[in-house]
Protein backbone atom coordinates (compact mmCIF):
# COMPACT_ATOMS: atom_id res chain seq x y z
CA MET A 1 -136.42 -75.00 -52.11
CA ASN A 2 -139.34 -77.30 -54.02
CA ASP A 3 -141.83 -78.04 -50.74
CA VAL A 4 -145.05 -79.99 -51.61
CA LEU A 5 -148.12 -77.56 -52.03
CA TYR A 6 -150.65 -79.65 -52.94
CA SER A 7 -149.80 -83.73 -53.46
CA GLU A 8 -153.66 -86.49 -54.77
CA LYS A 9 -152.47 -90.18 -55.52
CA LEU A 10 -155.48 -90.96 -58.15
CA TRP A 11 -155.91 -94.12 -55.90
CA PRO A 12 -158.83 -96.35 -57.57
CA ALA A 13 -162.24 -96.89 -56.46
CA TRP A 14 -163.67 -99.53 -54.41
CA TRP A 15 -165.68 -101.97 -56.81
CA LEU A 16 -161.74 -101.91 -59.02
CA TRP A 17 -160.32 -103.30 -55.83
CA VAL A 18 -162.67 -105.54 -55.34
CA SER A 19 -162.19 -107.01 -58.80
CA ALA A 20 -158.67 -107.73 -58.44
CA LEU A 21 -159.90 -109.46 -55.02
CA ILE A 22 -161.91 -111.46 -57.36
CA VAL A 23 -159.77 -111.56 -60.63
CA GLY A 24 -156.59 -112.87 -58.47
CA ALA A 25 -158.37 -115.34 -56.89
CA SER A 26 -159.26 -116.68 -59.00
CA ILE A 27 -156.21 -117.46 -61.05
CA SER A 28 -157.29 -120.36 -58.52
CA ILE A 29 -159.85 -122.24 -59.47
CA ILE A 30 -157.42 -123.66 -61.59
CA PHE A 31 -154.62 -125.13 -58.90
CA PHE A 32 -157.47 -126.59 -56.40
CA PRO A 33 -158.50 -128.96 -58.04
CA ILE A 34 -155.29 -130.15 -57.82
CA ASN A 35 -153.74 -129.12 -54.69
CA ALA A 36 -154.75 -127.32 -51.89
CA THR A 37 -151.39 -126.66 -50.73
CA PHE A 38 -151.27 -125.00 -54.86
CA GLY A 39 -154.29 -123.30 -54.75
CA THR A 40 -154.83 -121.14 -51.98
CA LEU A 41 -150.78 -120.46 -52.86
CA ALA A 42 -151.21 -119.50 -55.91
CA LEU A 43 -154.64 -117.02 -54.13
CA VAL A 44 -152.70 -115.02 -52.25
CA ILE A 45 -149.90 -114.92 -55.28
CA GLY A 46 -152.66 -113.73 -57.22
CA VAL A 47 -154.76 -111.55 -54.82
CA ALA A 48 -151.10 -109.93 -54.47
CA LEU A 49 -150.36 -108.62 -57.62
CA CYS A 50 -153.12 -108.23 -58.94
CA VAL A 51 -152.95 -105.13 -55.68
CA PHE A 52 -149.07 -104.19 -56.64
CA ALA A 53 -150.08 -103.96 -60.26
CA LEU A 54 -153.45 -101.71 -58.62
CA VAL A 55 -150.56 -100.24 -55.80
CA ILE A 56 -148.31 -99.22 -59.07
CA THR A 57 -150.55 -97.80 -61.49
CA THR A 58 -151.91 -94.75 -59.46
CA PRO A 59 -150.70 -91.59 -59.99
CA ARG A 60 -149.90 -89.32 -57.98
CA LEU A 61 -150.38 -85.31 -58.78
CA GLU A 62 -147.94 -82.81 -57.09
CA VAL A 63 -147.39 -79.01 -56.96
CA THR A 64 -144.31 -77.45 -55.83
CA GLU A 65 -143.96 -73.39 -56.37
CA GLY A 66 -141.88 -74.23 -59.76
CA TRP A 67 -143.52 -77.78 -61.32
CA LEU A 68 -146.09 -79.39 -61.54
CA ARG A 69 -147.22 -83.42 -61.68
CA VAL A 70 -149.44 -85.51 -62.78
CA GLY A 71 -148.61 -88.92 -62.46
CA ARG A 72 -144.47 -89.45 -65.18
CA ALA A 73 -145.61 -85.88 -66.20
CA ARG A 74 -143.58 -83.00 -65.30
CA ILE A 75 -144.01 -79.36 -66.23
CA GLU A 76 -142.77 -76.65 -65.12
CA ARG A 77 -144.78 -73.48 -63.70
CA GLN A 78 -143.88 -71.01 -65.76
CA HIS A 79 -144.78 -72.72 -68.97
CA LEU A 80 -149.07 -72.90 -67.71
CA GLY A 81 -151.49 -70.15 -68.51
CA ARG A 82 -154.68 -71.06 -67.67
CA VAL A 83 -155.89 -73.77 -65.95
CA VAL A 84 -159.67 -74.09 -64.90
CA GLY A 85 -161.53 -77.33 -62.89
CA HIS A 86 -164.38 -79.11 -64.20
CA ARG A 87 -167.34 -80.76 -62.98
CA GLY A 88 -170.38 -82.43 -64.33
CA ASP A 89 -171.45 -81.53 -67.69
CA ALA A 90 -168.11 -79.05 -68.07
CA ALA A 91 -166.64 -82.55 -67.71
CA ARG A 92 -167.77 -84.55 -70.01
CA GLU A 93 -167.19 -81.87 -72.43
CA GLN A 94 -163.47 -81.67 -71.70
CA LEU A 95 -163.74 -85.64 -72.11
CA GLY A 96 -165.70 -85.72 -75.37
CA PRO A 97 -166.89 -82.43 -77.46
CA GLY A 98 -164.73 -80.68 -76.72
CA PHE A 99 -161.74 -83.60 -76.25
CA ASP A 100 -158.41 -82.60 -78.16
CA ALA A 101 -155.79 -85.77 -79.29
CA ARG A 102 -153.31 -83.77 -78.11
CA SER A 103 -153.81 -82.77 -75.15
CA TYR A 104 -151.41 -85.24 -72.27
CA GLN A 105 -154.39 -86.63 -70.44
CA CYS A 106 -153.92 -88.73 -66.70
CA ILE A 107 -157.82 -89.82 -67.02
CA ARG A 108 -159.71 -91.50 -64.22
CA GLY A 109 -163.35 -92.91 -64.93
CA TRP A 110 -164.14 -93.07 -61.50
CA ILE A 111 -163.48 -90.45 -60.76
CA ASP A 112 -165.59 -86.80 -61.64
CA PRO A 113 -163.78 -83.59 -61.68
CA VAL A 114 -160.84 -82.71 -64.57
CA ILE A 115 -157.91 -80.12 -64.55
CA THR A 116 -157.34 -79.03 -67.88
CA ALA A 117 -153.43 -76.45 -68.02
CA GLU A 118 -153.80 -74.06 -70.28
CA ILE A 119 -149.81 -75.62 -71.65
CA THR A 120 -147.62 -72.71 -73.10
CA ASP A 121 -143.78 -73.30 -74.46
CA PRO A 122 -143.29 -72.59 -77.48
CA GLU A 123 -141.34 -75.30 -78.43
CA ASP A 124 -144.15 -77.69 -77.18
CA ALA A 125 -146.86 -79.40 -79.25
CA THR A 126 -149.34 -80.46 -76.44
CA PRO A 127 -151.97 -77.81 -76.42
CA TYR A 128 -153.26 -78.53 -72.79
CA TRP A 129 -152.90 -81.41 -69.91
CA LEU A 130 -156.80 -82.78 -68.88
CA PHE A 131 -156.75 -85.24 -65.56
CA SER A 132 -158.93 -85.67 -63.11
CA THR A 133 -158.75 -84.90 -59.20
CA ARG A 134 -160.79 -85.20 -56.42
CA GLN A 135 -160.17 -81.77 -54.77
CA PRO A 136 -160.25 -79.54 -58.07
CA GLU A 137 -160.76 -76.44 -55.72
CA ALA A 138 -157.90 -77.02 -53.70
CA LEU A 139 -155.52 -77.78 -57.21
CA LEU A 140 -156.63 -74.90 -58.87
CA GLU A 141 -154.97 -72.38 -55.34
CA ALA A 142 -152.02 -74.19 -55.05
CA LEU A 143 -151.41 -73.76 -59.14
CA LYS A 144 -152.25 -69.83 -58.34
CA SER A 145 -155.81 -70.26 -60.66
CA ASP A 146 -158.30 -67.73 -59.74
CA GLU A 147 -160.80 -69.60 -62.14
CA PRO A 148 -163.86 -71.23 -60.80
CA VAL A 149 -164.36 -74.67 -61.32
CA ARG A 150 -166.78 -74.69 -64.24
CA THR A 151 -169.69 -77.19 -64.05
CA ALA A 152 -171.16 -76.35 -68.12
CA GLY A 153 -169.30 -75.36 -70.67
CA VAL A 154 -165.70 -75.62 -73.21
CA SER A 155 -163.22 -73.82 -71.49
CA LEU A 156 -160.00 -74.11 -74.07
CA ALA A 157 -160.25 -73.46 -77.46
């Protein structure tokens, strides 16, 4: 049985929800001069579509005994090597100078901590996965990683 050891949704930041409301509501500006009913209908539909877009594009992180799932991608845990968490300067290093374009990424800019999970499958050209998480310690614990969360430096070569 594959019980879930860790699960997290990378929900958008509050300001993205506000932006979705503003963009969705702004659609109605076109219709209000024509008819208040059409304007109100456009407001409701516009806001609903923007909120729906945010909800369906929110990725889930999930760790089970056998699998790691990040967004739509998943990999068997037997193919994971070192798994390291990063915060602050170390996270910026992973996303900037230490970044490898061949990696799989699921990054959310409003979430500071990131995880690098080395891929050891010889048939996989992806050197590592790089993904955001709000709780790197809990995720590392679920993946049975004994690596500390780094705050400086590069962890994967």
